[in-house]
PDB file of N, CA and C in Angstrom:
ATOM      1  N   MET A   1     -12.806 -19.171  11.494  1.00  0.00           N
ATOM      2  CA  MET A   1     -11.468 -18.922  11.860  1.00  0.00           C
ATOM      3  C   MET A   1     -11.475 -18.032  12.926  1.00  0.00           C
ATOM      4  N   THR A   2     -10.035 -17.876  14.030  1.00  0.00           N
ATOM      5  CA  THR A   2     -10.038 -17.105  14.947  1.00  0.00           C
ATOM      6  C   THR A   2      -9.612 -15.906  14.435  1.00  0.00           C
ATOM      7  N   GLY A   3      -8.904 -14.563  16.314  1.00  0.00           N
ATOM      8  CA  GLY A   3      -8.316 -13.548  15.882  1.00  0.00           C
ATOM      9  C   GLY A   3      -6.548 -13.458  15.308  1.00  0.00           C
ATOM     10  N   GLU A   4      -6.369 -14.700  16.134  1.00  0.00           N
ATOM     11  CA  GLU A   4      -4.995 -15.569  15.663  1.00  0.00           C
ATOM     12  C   GLU A   4      -4.306 -15.896  13.950  1.00  0.00           C
ATOM     13  N   GLU A   5      -6.222 -16.591  13.693  1.00  0.00           N
ATOM     14  CA  GLU A   5      -5.626 -17.080  12.370  1.00  0.00           C
ATOM     15  C   GLU A   5      -5.571 -15.549  11.153  1.00  0.00           C
ATOM     16  N   VAL A   6      -7.082 -14.458  11.934  1.00  0.00           N
ATOM     17  CA  VAL A   6      -6.881 -12.853  10.984  1.00  0.00           C
ATOM     18  C   VAL A   6      -5.736 -12.502  10.955  1.00  0.00           C
ATOM     19  N   ILE A   7      -5.290 -12.134  12.110  1.00  0.00           N
ATOM     20  CA  ILE A   7      -3.572 -11.602  12.417  1.00  0.00           C
ATOM     21  C   ILE A   7      -2.530 -12.169  11.196  1.00  0.00           C
ATOM     22  N   SER A   8      -2.670 -13.980  11.233  1.00  0.00           N
ATOM     23  CA  SER A   8      -1.963 -14.675  10.852  1.00  0.00           C
ATOM     24  C   SER A   8      -1.759 -13.919   8.881  1.00  0.00           C
ATOM     25  N   ILE A   9      -3.450 -13.825   9.092  1.00  0.00           N
ATOM     26  CA  ILE A   9      -3.550 -13.426   7.149  1.00  0.00           C
ATOM     27  C   ILE A   9      -2.996 -12.423   7.086  1.00  0.00           C
ATOM     28  N   TYR A  10      -2.744 -10.896   7.457  1.00  0.00           N
ATOM     29  CA  TYR A  10      -2.726  -9.861   7.311  1.00  0.00           C
ATOM     30  C   TYR A  10      -1.245  -9.712   7.533  1.00  0.00           C
ATOM     31  N   GLU A  11      -0.486 -10.366   8.154  1.00  0.00           N
ATOM     32  CA  GLU A  11       0.744 -11.393   8.528  1.00  0.00           C
ATOM     33  C   GLU A  11       1.485 -11.461   7.246  1.00  0.00           C
ATOM     34  N   LYS A  12       1.221 -12.466   6.753  1.00  0.00           N
ATOM     35  CA  LYS A  12       1.527 -12.511   5.537  1.00  0.00           C
ATOM     36  C   LYS A  12       1.117 -11.692   3.849  1.00  0.00           C
ATOM     37  N   VAL A  13      -0.293 -11.290   4.306  1.00  0.00           N
ATOM     38  CA  VAL A  13      -0.348 -10.117   2.985  1.00  0.00           C
ATOM     39  C   VAL A  13       0.631  -8.873   2.840  1.00  0.00           C
ATOM     40  N   ALA A  14       1.098  -8.369   4.283  1.00  0.00           N
ATOM     41  CA  ALA A  14       1.977  -7.348   4.777  1.00  0.00           C
ATOM     42  C   ALA A  14       3.559  -8.078   4.201  1.00  0.00           C
ATOM     43  N   VAL A  15       3.903  -9.243   4.122  1.00  0.00           N
ATOM     44  CA  VAL A  15       5.209  -9.332   3.782  1.00  0.00           C
ATOM     45  C   VAL A  15       5.279  -9.649   2.510  1.00  0.00           C
ATOM     46  N   ILE A  16       3.904 -10.534   1.808  1.00  0.00           N
ATOM     47  CA  ILE A  16       3.853 -10.565   0.539  1.00  0.00           C
ATOM     48  C   ILE A  16       3.928  -9.481  -0.076  1.00  0.00           C
ATOM     49  N   THR A  17       3.650  -8.154   0.258  1.00  0.00           N
ATOM     50  CA  THR A  17       3.439  -6.561  -0.101  1.00  0.00           C
ATOM     51  C   THR A  17       4.609  -5.679  -0.634  1.00  0.00           C
ATOM     52  N   HIS A  18       5.322  -6.300   1.020  1.00  0.00           N
ATOM     53  CA  HIS A  18       6.754  -6.159   0.872  1.00  0.00           C
ATOM     54  C   HIS A  18       7.415  -6.447   0.062  1.00  0.00           C
ATOM     55  N   GLN A  19       7.597  -8.088   0.001  1.00  0.00           N
ATOM     56  CA  GLN A  19       8.209  -8.185  -1.280  1.00  0.00           C
ATOM     57  C   GLN A  19       7.498  -7.810  -3.523  1.00  0.00           C
ATOM     58  N   MET A  20       6.503  -7.573  -3.090  1.00  0.00           N
ATOM     59  CA  MET A  20       6.171  -7.170  -4.474  1.00  0.00           C
ATOM     60  C   MET A  20       6.244  -5.563  -4.050  1.00  0.00           C
ATOM     61  N   LEU A  21       7.082  -5.016  -3.245  1.00  0.00           N
ATOM     62  CA  LEU A  21       7.339  -3.345  -3.378  1.00  0.00           C
ATOM     63  C   LEU A  21       9.195  -3.702  -4.150  1.00  0.00           C
ATOM     64  N   ALA A  22       9.659  -4.835  -3.536  1.00  0.00           N
ATOM     65  CA  ALA A  22      10.992  -4.932  -3.609  1.00  0.00           C
ATOM     66  C   ALA A  22      11.235  -5.578  -5.271  1.00  0.00           C
ATOM     67  N   ALA A  23      10.336  -6.318  -5.832  1.00  0.00           N
ATOM     68  CA  ALA A  23       9.748  -6.604  -7.398  1.00  0.00           C
ATOM     69  C   ALA A  23       9.948  -5.343  -8.026  1.00  0.00           C
ATOM     70  N   ALA A  24       9.248  -4.547  -7.434  1.00  0.00           N
ATOM     71  CA  ALA A  24       8.913  -3.946  -8.419  1.00  0.00           C
ATOM     72  C   ALA A  24       9.934  -2.802  -8.429  1.00  0.00           C
ATOM     73  N   ARG A  25      10.205  -2.455  -7.595  1.00  0.00           N
ATOM     74  CA  ARG A  25      11.816  -1.547  -7.605  1.00  0.00           C
ATOM     75  C   ARG A  25      12.668  -2.231  -8.268  1.00  0.00           C
ATOM     76  N   GLU A  26      12.946  -3.449  -8.486  1.00  0.00           N
ATOM     77  CA  GLU A  26      13.900  -4.407  -9.387  1.00  0.00           C
ATOM     78  C   GLU A  26      12.758  -4.408 -11.040  1.00  0.00           C
ATOM     79  N   TYR A  27      11.674  -3.687 -11.260  1.00  0.00           N
ATOM     80  CA  TYR A  27      11.211  -3.758 -12.353  1.00  0.00           C
ATOM     81  C   TYR A  27      11.357  -5.564 -13.105  1.00  0.00           C
ATOM     82  N   ASP A  28      10.642  -6.297 -11.899  1.00  0.00           N
ATOM     83  CA  ASP A  28      10.640  -7.967 -12.077  1.00  0.00           C
ATOM     84  C   ASP A  28       9.183  -7.863 -12.325  1.00  0.00           C
ATOM     85  N   TRP A  29       8.487  -7.415 -13.274  1.00  0.00           N
ATOM     86  CA  TRP A  29       6.881  -7.236 -12.920  1.00  0.00           C
ATOM     87  C   TRP A  29       6.049  -9.148 -13.725  1.00  0.00           C
ATOM     88  N   GLU A  30       7.306  -9.845 -13.247  1.00  0.00           N
ATOM     89  CA  GLU A  30       6.113 -10.921 -13.686  1.00  0.00           C
ATOM     90  C   GLU A  30       6.472 -11.744 -12.139  1.00  0.00           C
ATOM     91  N   GLN A  31       7.747 -11.245 -11.514  1.00  0.00           N
ATOM     92  CA  GLN A  31       7.485 -11.990 -10.070  1.00  0.00           C
ATOM     93  C   GLN A  31       6.691 -10.914  -9.294  1.00  0.00           C
ATOM     94  N   LEU A  32       6.590  -9.595  -9.490  1.00  0.00           N
ATOM     95  CA  LEU A  32       5.493  -8.927  -8.690  1.00  0.00           C
ATOM     96  C   LEU A  32       4.172  -9.486  -9.389  1.00  0.00           C
ATOM     97  N   ALA A  33       3.604 -10.042 -10.552  1.00  0.00           N
ATOM     98  CA  ALA A  33       2.569 -10.416 -10.917  1.00  0.00           C
ATOM     99  C   ALA A  33       2.154 -11.868  -9.786  1.00  0.00           C
ATOM    100  N   ALA A  34       3.206 -12.567 -10.175  1.00  0.00           N
ATOM    101  CA  ALA A  34       2.863 -13.889  -9.103  1.00  0.00           C
ATOM    102  C   ALA A  34       2.728 -13.949  -7.524  1.00  0.00           C
ATOM    103  N   LEU A  35       3.559 -12.747  -6.859  1.00  0.00           N
ATOM    104  CA  LEU A  35       3.153 -12.296  -5.639  1.00  0.00           C
ATOM    105  C   LEU A  35       1.808 -11.715  -5.678  1.00  0.00           C
ATOM    106  N   GLU A  36       1.365 -10.874  -6.352  1.00  0.00           N
ATOM    107  CA  GLU A  36       0.066 -10.287  -6.299  1.00  0.00           C
ATOM    108  C   GLU A  36      -0.783 -11.597  -6.401  1.00  0.00           C
ATOM    109  N   SER A  37      -1.034 -12.812  -7.560  1.00  0.00           N
ATOM    110  CA  SER A  37      -2.221 -13.593  -7.315  1.00  0.00           C
ATOM    111  C   SER A  37      -1.381 -13.854  -5.794  1.00  0.00           C
ATOM    112  N   GLN A  38      -0.560 -14.050  -4.903  1.00  0.00           N
ATOM    113  CA  GLN A  38      -0.745 -14.802  -3.841  1.00  0.00           C
ATOM    114  C   GLN A  38      -1.569 -13.871  -3.163  1.00  0.00           C
ATOM    115  N   CYS A  39      -1.353 -12.232  -2.677  1.00  0.00           N
ATOM    116  CA  CYS A  39      -1.344 -11.160  -2.212  1.00  0.00           C
ATOM    117  C   CYS A  39      -3.381 -11.417  -2.137  1.00  0.00           C
ATOM    118  N   ALA A  40      -4.121 -11.699  -3.531  1.00  0.00           N
ATOM    119  CA  ALA A  40      -5.032 -11.856  -3.369  1.00  0.00           C
ATOM    120  C   ALA A  40      -5.864 -12.973  -3.201  1.00  0.00           C
ATOM    121  N   SER A  41      -5.139 -13.699  -3.093  1.00  0.00           N
ATOM    122  CA  SER A  41      -5.752 -15.210  -2.639  1.00  0.00           C
ATOM    123  C   SER A  41      -5.925 -15.220  -0.882  1.00  0.00           C
ATOM    124  N   HIS A  42      -4.798 -14.163  -0.350  1.00  0.00           N
ATOM    125  CA  HIS A  42      -5.286 -13.803   0.812  1.00  0.00           C
ATOM    126  C   HIS A  42      -6.120 -13.250   1.312  1.00  0.00           C
ATOM    127  N   VAL A  43      -5.979 -12.273   0.373  1.00  0.00           N
ATOM    128  CA  VAL A  43      -7.189 -11.217   0.502  1.00  0.00           C
ATOM    129  C   VAL A  43      -8.685 -11.964   0.256  1.00  0.00           C
ATOM    130  N   ALA A  44      -8.803 -12.466  -0.340  1.00  0.00           N
ATOM    131  CA  ALA A  44     -10.354 -12.823  -0.899  1.00  0.00           C
ATOM    132  C   ALA A  44     -10.545 -13.849   0.081  1.00  0.00           C
ATOM    133  N   THR A  45      -9.634 -14.957   0.773  1.00  0.00           N
ATOM    134  CA  THR A  45      -9.546 -15.473   2.539  1.00  0.00           C
ATOM    135  C   THR A  45     -10.370 -14.858   3.235  1.00  0.00           C
ATOM    136  N   LEU A  46      -9.775 -13.124   3.482  1.00  0.00           N
ATOM    137  CA  LEU A  46     -10.465 -12.341   4.903  1.00  0.00           C
ATOM    138  C   LEU A  46     -11.842 -11.991   4.652  1.00  0.00           C
ATOM    139  N   ARG A  47     -11.652 -11.479   2.748  1.00  0.00           N
ATOM    140  CA  ARG A  47     -13.082 -11.130   2.758  1.00  0.00           C
ATOM    141  C   ARG A  47     -14.351 -12.022   2.726  1.00  0.00           C
ATOM    142  N   ARG A  48     -14.056 -13.361   2.815  1.00  0.00           N
ATOM    143  CA  ARG A  48     -14.594 -14.332   3.138  1.00  0.00           C
ATOM    144  C   ARG A  48     -14.973 -14.806   4.706  1.00  0.00           C
ATOM    145  N   ASP A  49     -14.097 -14.869   5.626  1.00  0.00           N
ATOM    146  CA  ASP A  49     -13.853 -15.261   6.348  1.00  0.00           C
ATOM    147  C   ASP A  49     -13.384 -13.936   7.984  1.00  0.00           C
ATOM    148  N   GLU A  50     -13.193 -12.951   7.080  1.00  0.00           N
ATOM    149  CA  GLU A  50     -13.306 -12.402   8.673  1.00  0.00           C
ATOM    150  C   GLU A  50     -14.367 -11.424   9.376  1.00  0.00           C
ATOM    151  N   SER A  51     -15.397 -11.113   8.603  1.00  0.00           N
ATOM    152  CA  SER A  51     -16.443 -10.407   9.418  1.00  0.00           C
ATOM    153  C   SER A  51     -16.809 -10.733  10.909  1.00  0.00           C
ATOM    154  N   ALA A  52     -16.830 -12.448  10.740  1.00  0.00           N
ATOM    155  CA  ALA A  52     -17.185 -13.205  12.195  1.00  0.00           C
ATOM    156  C   ALA A  52     -16.344 -13.394  12.914  1.00  0.00           C
ATOM    157  N   VAL A  53     -15.683 -12.608  12.652  1.00  0.00           N
ATOM    158  CA  VAL A  53     -14.387 -12.546  14.215  1.00  0.00           C
ATOM    159  C   VAL A  53     -14.356 -11.496  14.678  1.00  0.00           C
ATOM    160  N   PRO A  54     -14.011 -11.384  15.543  1.00  0.00           N
ATOM    161  CA  PRO A  54     -14.284 -10.314  16.389  1.00  0.00           C
ATOM    162  C   PRO A  54     -13.652  -9.617  17.433  1.00  0.00           C
ATOM    163  N   LEU A  55     -12.802  -8.725  16.577  1.00  0.00           N
ATOM    164  CA  LEU A  55     -11.308  -8.301  17.553  1.00  0.00           C
ATOM    165  C   LEU A  55     -10.590  -7.333  18.404  1.00  0.00           C
ATOM    166  N   THR A  56     -10.655  -7.843  19.332  1.00  0.00           N
ATOM    167  CA  THR A  56     -10.496  -6.586  20.734  1.00  0.00           C
ATOM    168  C   THR A  56      -8.486  -6.154  20.770  1.00  0.00           C
ATOM    169  N   GLY A  57      -8.458  -5.418  21.344  1.00  0.00           N
ATOM    170  CA  GLY A  57      -7.198  -4.557  22.345  1.00  0.00           C
ATOM    171  C   GLY A  57      -5.714  -4.913  21.166  1.00  0.00           C
ATOM    172  N   MET A  58      -5.267  -5.388  21.721  1.00  0.00           N
ATOM    173  CA  MET A  58      -4.043  -5.219  20.639  1.00  0.00           C
ATOM    174  C   MET A  58      -3.989  -6.711  19.597  1.00  0.00           C
ATOM    175  N   VAL A  59      -5.214  -7.291  20.013  1.00  0.00           N
ATOM    176  CA  VAL A  59      -4.564  -8.202  18.095  1.00  0.00           C
ATOM    177  C   VAL A  59      -5.542  -6.880  16.940  1.00  0.00           C
ATOM    178  N   ARG A  60      -6.549  -5.713  17.810  1.00  0.00           N
ATOM    179  CA  ARG A  60      -6.787  -4.769  17.073  1.00  0.00           C
ATOM    180  C   ARG A  60      -5.968  -3.805  16.586  1.00  0.00           C
ATOM    181  N   GLU A  61      -5.040  -3.613  17.006  1.00  0.00           N
ATOM    182  CA  GLU A  61      -3.753  -2.338  16.643  1.00  0.00           C
ATOM    183  C   GLU A  61      -2.695  -3.472  15.729  1.00  0.00           C
ATOM    184  N   GLN A  62      -2.634  -4.909  16.150  1.00  0.00           N
ATOM    185  CA  GLN A  62      -1.631  -5.388  15.338  1.00  0.00           C
ATOM    186  C   GLN A  62      -2.401  -5.498  13.969  1.00  0.00           C
ATOM    187  N   LYS A  63      -3.887  -5.346  13.512  1.00  0.00           N
ATOM    188  CA  LYS A  63      -4.824  -5.747  12.380  1.00  0.00           C
ATOM    189  C   LYS A  63      -3.833  -4.386  11.738  1.00  0.00           C
ATOM    190  N   VAL A  64      -3.999  -3.019  12.758  1.00  0.00           N
ATOM    191  CA  VAL A  64      -4.219  -1.590  12.007  1.00  0.00           C
ATOM    192  C   VAL A  64      -2.812  -1.650  11.410  1.00  0.00           C
ATOM    193  N   LYS A  65      -1.913  -2.330  12.522  1.00  0.00           N
ATOM    194  CA  LYS A  65      -0.446  -2.014  12.248  1.00  0.00           C
ATOM    195  C   LYS A  65      -0.128  -2.421  10.957  1.00  0.00           C
ATOM    196  N   PHE A  66      -0.572  -3.600  10.550  1.00  0.00           N
ATOM    197  CA  PHE A  66      -0.301  -4.570   9.133  1.00  0.00           C
ATOM    198  C   PHE A  66      -1.360  -3.590   7.916  1.00  0.00           C
ATOM    199  N   ILE A  67      -2.385  -3.070   8.130  1.00  0.00           N
ATOM    200  CA  ILE A  67      -3.045  -2.493   7.212  1.00  0.00           C
ATOM    201  C   ILE A  67      -1.972  -1.087   7.025  1.00  0.00           C
ATOM    202  N   ARG A  68      -1.494  -0.481   7.882  1.00  0.00           N
ATOM    203  CA  ARG A  68      -0.964   0.470   7.716  1.00  0.00           C
ATOM    204  C   ARG A  68       0.318   0.799   6.526  1.00  0.00           C
ATOM    205  N   GLN A  69       1.211  -0.855   7.200  1.00  0.00           N
ATOM    206  CA  GLN A  69       2.492  -1.247   6.488  1.00  0.00           C
ATOM    207  C   GLN A  69       1.517  -1.651   4.862  1.00  0.00           C
ATOM    208  N   ILE A  70       0.963  -1.903   4.820  1.00  0.00           N
ATOM    209  CA  ILE A  70       0.198  -2.703   3.394  1.00  0.00           C
ATOM    210  C   ILE A  70       0.385  -1.711   2.365  1.00  0.00           C
ATOM    211  N   LEU A  71      -0.701  -0.839   3.176  1.00  0.00           N
ATOM    212  CA  LEU A  71      -1.140   0.625   2.348  1.00  0.00           C
ATOM    213  C   LEU A  71       0.072   1.706   1.778  1.00  0.00           C
ATOM    214  N   ALA A  72       1.237   1.565   2.771  1.00  0.00           N
ATOM    215  CA  ALA A  72       2.497   1.890   2.604  1.00  0.00           C
ATOM    216  C   ALA A  72       2.928   1.622   1.012  1.00  0.00           C
ATOM    217  N   ASP A  73       2.952   0.229   1.225  1.00  0.00           N
ATOM    218  CA  ASP A  73       3.921  -0.819   0.358  1.00  0.00           C
ATOM    219  C   ASP A  73       3.328  -0.241  -1.000  1.00  0.00           C
ATOM    220  N   ASP A  74       1.863  -0.524  -0.931  1.00  0.00           N
ATOM    221  CA  ASP A  74       0.912  -0.392  -1.696  1.00  0.00           C
ATOM    222  C   ASP A  74       1.099   1.306  -2.483  1.00  0.00           C
ATOM    223  N   ARG A  75       1.292   2.153  -1.967  1.00  0.00           N
ATOM    224  CA  ARG A  75       1.529   3.202  -2.296  1.00  0.00           C
ATOM    225  C   ARG A  75       3.022   3.922  -3.048  1.00  0.00           C
ATOM    226  N   GLU A  76       3.649   3.132  -2.783  1.00  0.00           N
ATOM    227  CA  GLU A  76       4.924   3.392  -3.100  1.00  0.00           C
ATOM    228  C   GLU A  76       5.339   2.336  -4.786  1.00  0.00           C
ATOM    229  N   ILE A  77       4.756   1.181  -4.324  1.00  0.00           N
ATOM    230  CA  ILE A  77       4.303  -0.152  -5.745  1.00  0.00           C
ATOM    231  C   ILE A  77       3.761   0.719  -6.654  1.00  0.00           C
ATOM    232  N   ARG A  78       2.763   1.278  -6.511  1.00  0.00           N
ATOM    233  CA  ARG A  78       1.828   2.519  -7.707  1.00  0.00           C
ATOM    234  C   ARG A  78       2.634   3.197  -8.175  1.00  0.00           C
ATOM    235  N   THR A  79       3.491   3.553  -7.113  1.00  0.00           N
ATOM    236  CA  THR A  79       4.328   5.030  -7.621  1.00  0.00           C
ATOM    237  C   THR A  79       5.408   4.408  -8.317  1.00  0.00           C
ATOM    238  N   ILE A  80       5.919   3.346  -8.523  1.00  0.00           N
ATOM    239  CA  ILE A  80       6.774   3.199  -9.791  1.00  0.00           C
ATOM    240  C   ILE A  80       5.742   2.365 -10.525  1.00  0.00           C
ATOM    241  N   THR A  81       4.767   1.851 -10.263  1.00  0.00           N
ATOM    242  CA  THR A  81       4.120   1.248 -11.555  1.00  0.00           C
ATOM    243  C   THR A  81       3.727   2.081 -12.612  1.00  0.00           C
ATOM    244  N   GLU A  82       3.265   3.018 -12.100  1.00  0.00           N
ATOM    245  CA  GLU A  82       1.806   4.091 -12.781  1.00  0.00           C
ATOM    246  C   GLU A  82       2.583   4.407 -13.953  1.00  0.00           C
ATOM    247  N   PRO A  83       4.119   5.542 -13.727  1.00  0.00           N
ATOM    248  CA  PRO A  83       4.673   5.534 -14.443  1.00  0.00           C
ATOM    249  C   PRO A  83       4.527   4.095 -16.200  1.00  0.00           C
ATOM    250  N   TRP A  84       5.336   3.409 -15.346  1.00  0.00           N
ATOM    251  CA  TRP A  84       5.607   2.449 -16.623  1.00  0.00           C
ATOM    252  C   TRP A  84       3.608   1.908 -17.013  1.00  0.00           C
ATOM    253  N   MET A  85       3.170   1.862 -16.442  1.00  0.00           N
ATOM    254  CA  MET A  85       1.624   1.605 -16.803  1.00  0.00           C
ATOM    255  C   MET A  85       1.496   2.424 -18.130  1.00  0.00           C
ATOM    256  N   GLU A  86       1.928   3.464 -18.079  1.00  0.00           N
ATOM    257  CA  GLU A  86       0.935   5.087 -19.151  1.00  0.00           C
ATOM    258  C   GLU A  86       1.870   4.638 -20.346  1.00  0.00           C
ATOM    259  N   GLN A  87       3.248   4.333 -20.293  1.00  0.00           N
ATOM    260  CA  GLN A  87       3.923   3.793 -21.450  1.00  0.00           C
ATOM    261  C   GLN A  87       3.945   3.087 -21.663  1.00  0.00           C
ATOM    262  N   LEU A  88       3.624   1.935 -21.309  1.00  0.00           N
ATOM    263  CA  LEU A  88       3.326   0.665 -21.968  1.00  0.00           C
ATOM    264  C   LEU A  88       1.877   1.362 -22.786  1.00  0.00           C
ATOM    265  N   SER A  89       0.789   1.685 -22.313  1.00  0.00           N
ATOM    266  CA  SER A  89      -0.415   2.179 -22.511  1.00  0.00           C
ATOM    267  C   SER A  89      -0.497   3.029 -23.578  1.00  0.00           C
ATOM    268  N   MET A  90       0.609   4.178 -23.635  1.00  0.00           N
ATOM    269  CA  MET A  90       1.159   4.895 -25.291  1.00  0.00           C
ATOM    270  C   MET A  90       1.325   4.080 -26.439  1.00  0.00           C
ATOM    271  N   LEU A  91       2.313   3.057 -25.764  1.00  0.00           N
ATOM    272  CA  LEU A  91       3.372   2.023 -26.602  1.00  0.00           C
ATOM    273  C   LEU A  91       2.157   1.882 -27.821  1.00  0.00           C
ATOM    274  N   ILE A  92       1.220   0.870 -27.075  1.00  0.00           N
ATOM    275  CA  ILE A  92      -0.139   0.318 -27.630  1.00  0.00           C
ATOM    276  C   ILE A  92      -0.753   0.580 -28.589  1.00  0.00           C
ATOM    277  N   LYS A  93      -1.356   1.970 -28.115  1.00  0.00           N
ATOM    278  CA  LYS A  93      -1.895   2.842 -28.562  1.00  0.00           C
ATOM    279  C   LYS A  93      -1.452   3.537 -29.931  1.00  0.00           C
ATOM    280  N   SER A  94       0.660   3.970 -29.904  1.00  0.00           N
ATOM    281  CA  SER A  94       1.105   4.058 -30.698  1.00  0.00           C
ATOM    282  C   SER A  94       1.307   2.759 -31.856  1.00  0.00           C
ATOM    283  N   THR A  95       1.258   1.962 -31.292  1.00  0.00           N
ATOM    284  CA  THR A  95       1.409   0.274 -32.112  1.00  0.00           C
ATOM    285  C   THR A  95       0.044   0.389 -32.910  1.00  0.00           C
ATOM    286  N   GLY A  96      -1.570   0.482 -32.546  1.00  0.00           N
ATOM    287  CA  GLY A  96      -2.705   0.156 -32.897  1.00  0.00           C
ATOM    288  C   GLY A  96      -2.690   1.684 -34.462  1.00  0.00           C
ATOM    289  N   THR A  97      -2.369   2.500 -33.740  1.00  0.00           N
ATOM    290  CA  THR A  97      -2.649   3.862 -34.597  1.00  0.00           C
ATOM    291  C   THR A  97      -1.179   3.380 -36.017  1.00  0.00           C
ATOM    292  N   GLU A  98      -0.322   3.227 -35.372  1.00  0.00           N
ATOM    293  CA  GLU A  98       0.835   2.518 -36.458  1.00  0.00           C
ATOM    294  C   GLU A  98       0.147   1.413 -37.822  1.00  0.00           C
ATOM    295  N   ARG A  99      -0.606   0.350 -37.398  1.00  0.00           N
ATOM    296  CA  ARG A  99      -1.029  -0.935 -37.750  1.00  0.00           C
ATOM    297  C   ARG A  99      -2.545  -0.495 -38.685  1.00  0.00           C
ATOM    298  N   LYS A 100      -2.929   0.864 -38.378  1.00  0.00           N
ATOM    299  CA  LYS A 100      -4.568   1.249 -39.003  1.00  0.00           C
ATOM    300  C   LYS A 100      -3.659   2.151 -39.892  1.00  0.00           C
ATOM    301  N   LEU A 101      -2.581   3.050 -40.316  1.00  0.00           N
ATOM    302  CA  LEU A 101      -2.194   3.691 -40.979  1.00  0.00           C
ATOM    303  C   LEU A 101      -1.756   3.070 -42.289  1.00  0.00           C
ATOM    304  N   ALA A 102      -0.823   1.701 -41.749  1.00  0.00           N
ATOM    305  CA  ALA A 102      -0.347   1.066 -42.786  1.00  0.00           C
ATOM    306  C   ALA A 102      -1.668   0.682 -43.390  1.00  0.00           C
ATOM    307  N   GLN A 103      -2.544  -0.038 -42.355  1.00  0.00           N
ATOM    308  CA  GLN A 103      -3.835  -0.818 -44.236  1.00  0.00           C
ATOM    309  C   GLN A 103      -4.203   0.307 -44.389  1.00  0.00           C
ATOM    310  N   VAL A 104      -4.075   1.434 -43.756  1.00  0.00           N
ATOM    311  CA  VAL A 104      -5.145   2.478 -44.828  1.00  0.00           C
ATOM    312  C   VAL A 104      -4.514   2.814 -45.637  1.00  0.00           C
ATOM    313  N   TYR A 105      -3.154   3.251 -45.774  1.00  0.00           N
ATOM    314  CA  TYR A 105      -2.011   3.680 -46.903  1.00  0.00           C
ATOM    315  C   TYR A 105      -1.351   3.029 -47.324  1.00  0.00           C
ATOM    316  N   GLY A 106      -0.977   2.058 -47.009  1.00  0.00           N
ATOM    317  CA  GLY A 106      -0.364   0.419 -47.080  1.00  0.00           C
ATOM    318  C   GLY A 106      -1.368  -0.287 -48.364  1.00  0.00           C
ATOM    319  N   ALA A 107      -2.802  -0.074 -48.165  1.00  0.00           N
ATOM    320  CA  ALA A 107      -4.097  -0.836 -49.127  1.00  0.00           C
ATOM    321  C   ALA A 107      -3.553  -0.032 -50.088  1.00  0.00           C
ATOM    322  N   ASN A 108      -3.265   1.568 -50.114  1.00  0.00           N
ATOM    323  CA  ASN A 108      -3.313   2.269 -51.753  1.00  0.00           C
ATOM    324  C   ASN A 108      -2.497   2.561 -52.217  1.00  0.00           C
ATOM    325  N   GLN A 109      -1.328   2.024 -51.537  1.00  0.00           N
ATOM    326  CA  GLN A 109      -0.396   2.122 -52.713  1.00  0.00           C
ATOM    327  C   GLN A 109       0.337   1.437 -53.632  1.00  0.00           C
ATOM    328  N   THR A 110       0.504   1.950 -55.026  1.00  0.00           N
ATOM    329  CA  THR A 110       0.748   0.969 -55.470  1.00  0.00           C
ATOM    330  C   THR A 110       2.443   1.022 -56.312  1.00  0.00           C
ATOM    331  N   GLY A 111       2.939  -0.039 -56.350  1.00  0.00           N
ATOM    332  CA  GLY A 111       4.218  -0.405 -56.485  1.00  0.00           C
ATOM    333  C   GLY A 111       5.454   0.403 -56.998  1.00  0.00           C
TER     334      GLY A 111
END
């Protein structure tokens, strides 16, 4: 892998992360999940191959620029998704509690 290939992958991750932000803003969770999968694939490639590639000067600056953009988009995605995730978690817990109550008290009810 060359430095240009590394930067190309960072750029792809930045583009995908920005698309993920757009999906999150539209509450399009299926699109967000699909894009996250693509992003994870590119990140896995970087983890596997990047460390052997020395980056210098301008290329390193480009990498830093893309990482900052990725982190900013990620921060905003989390701001949008975390309250939704919390609500979903509470709903699941509530449904589980209701089911347990129905099992306990429903079984003891007589007609």
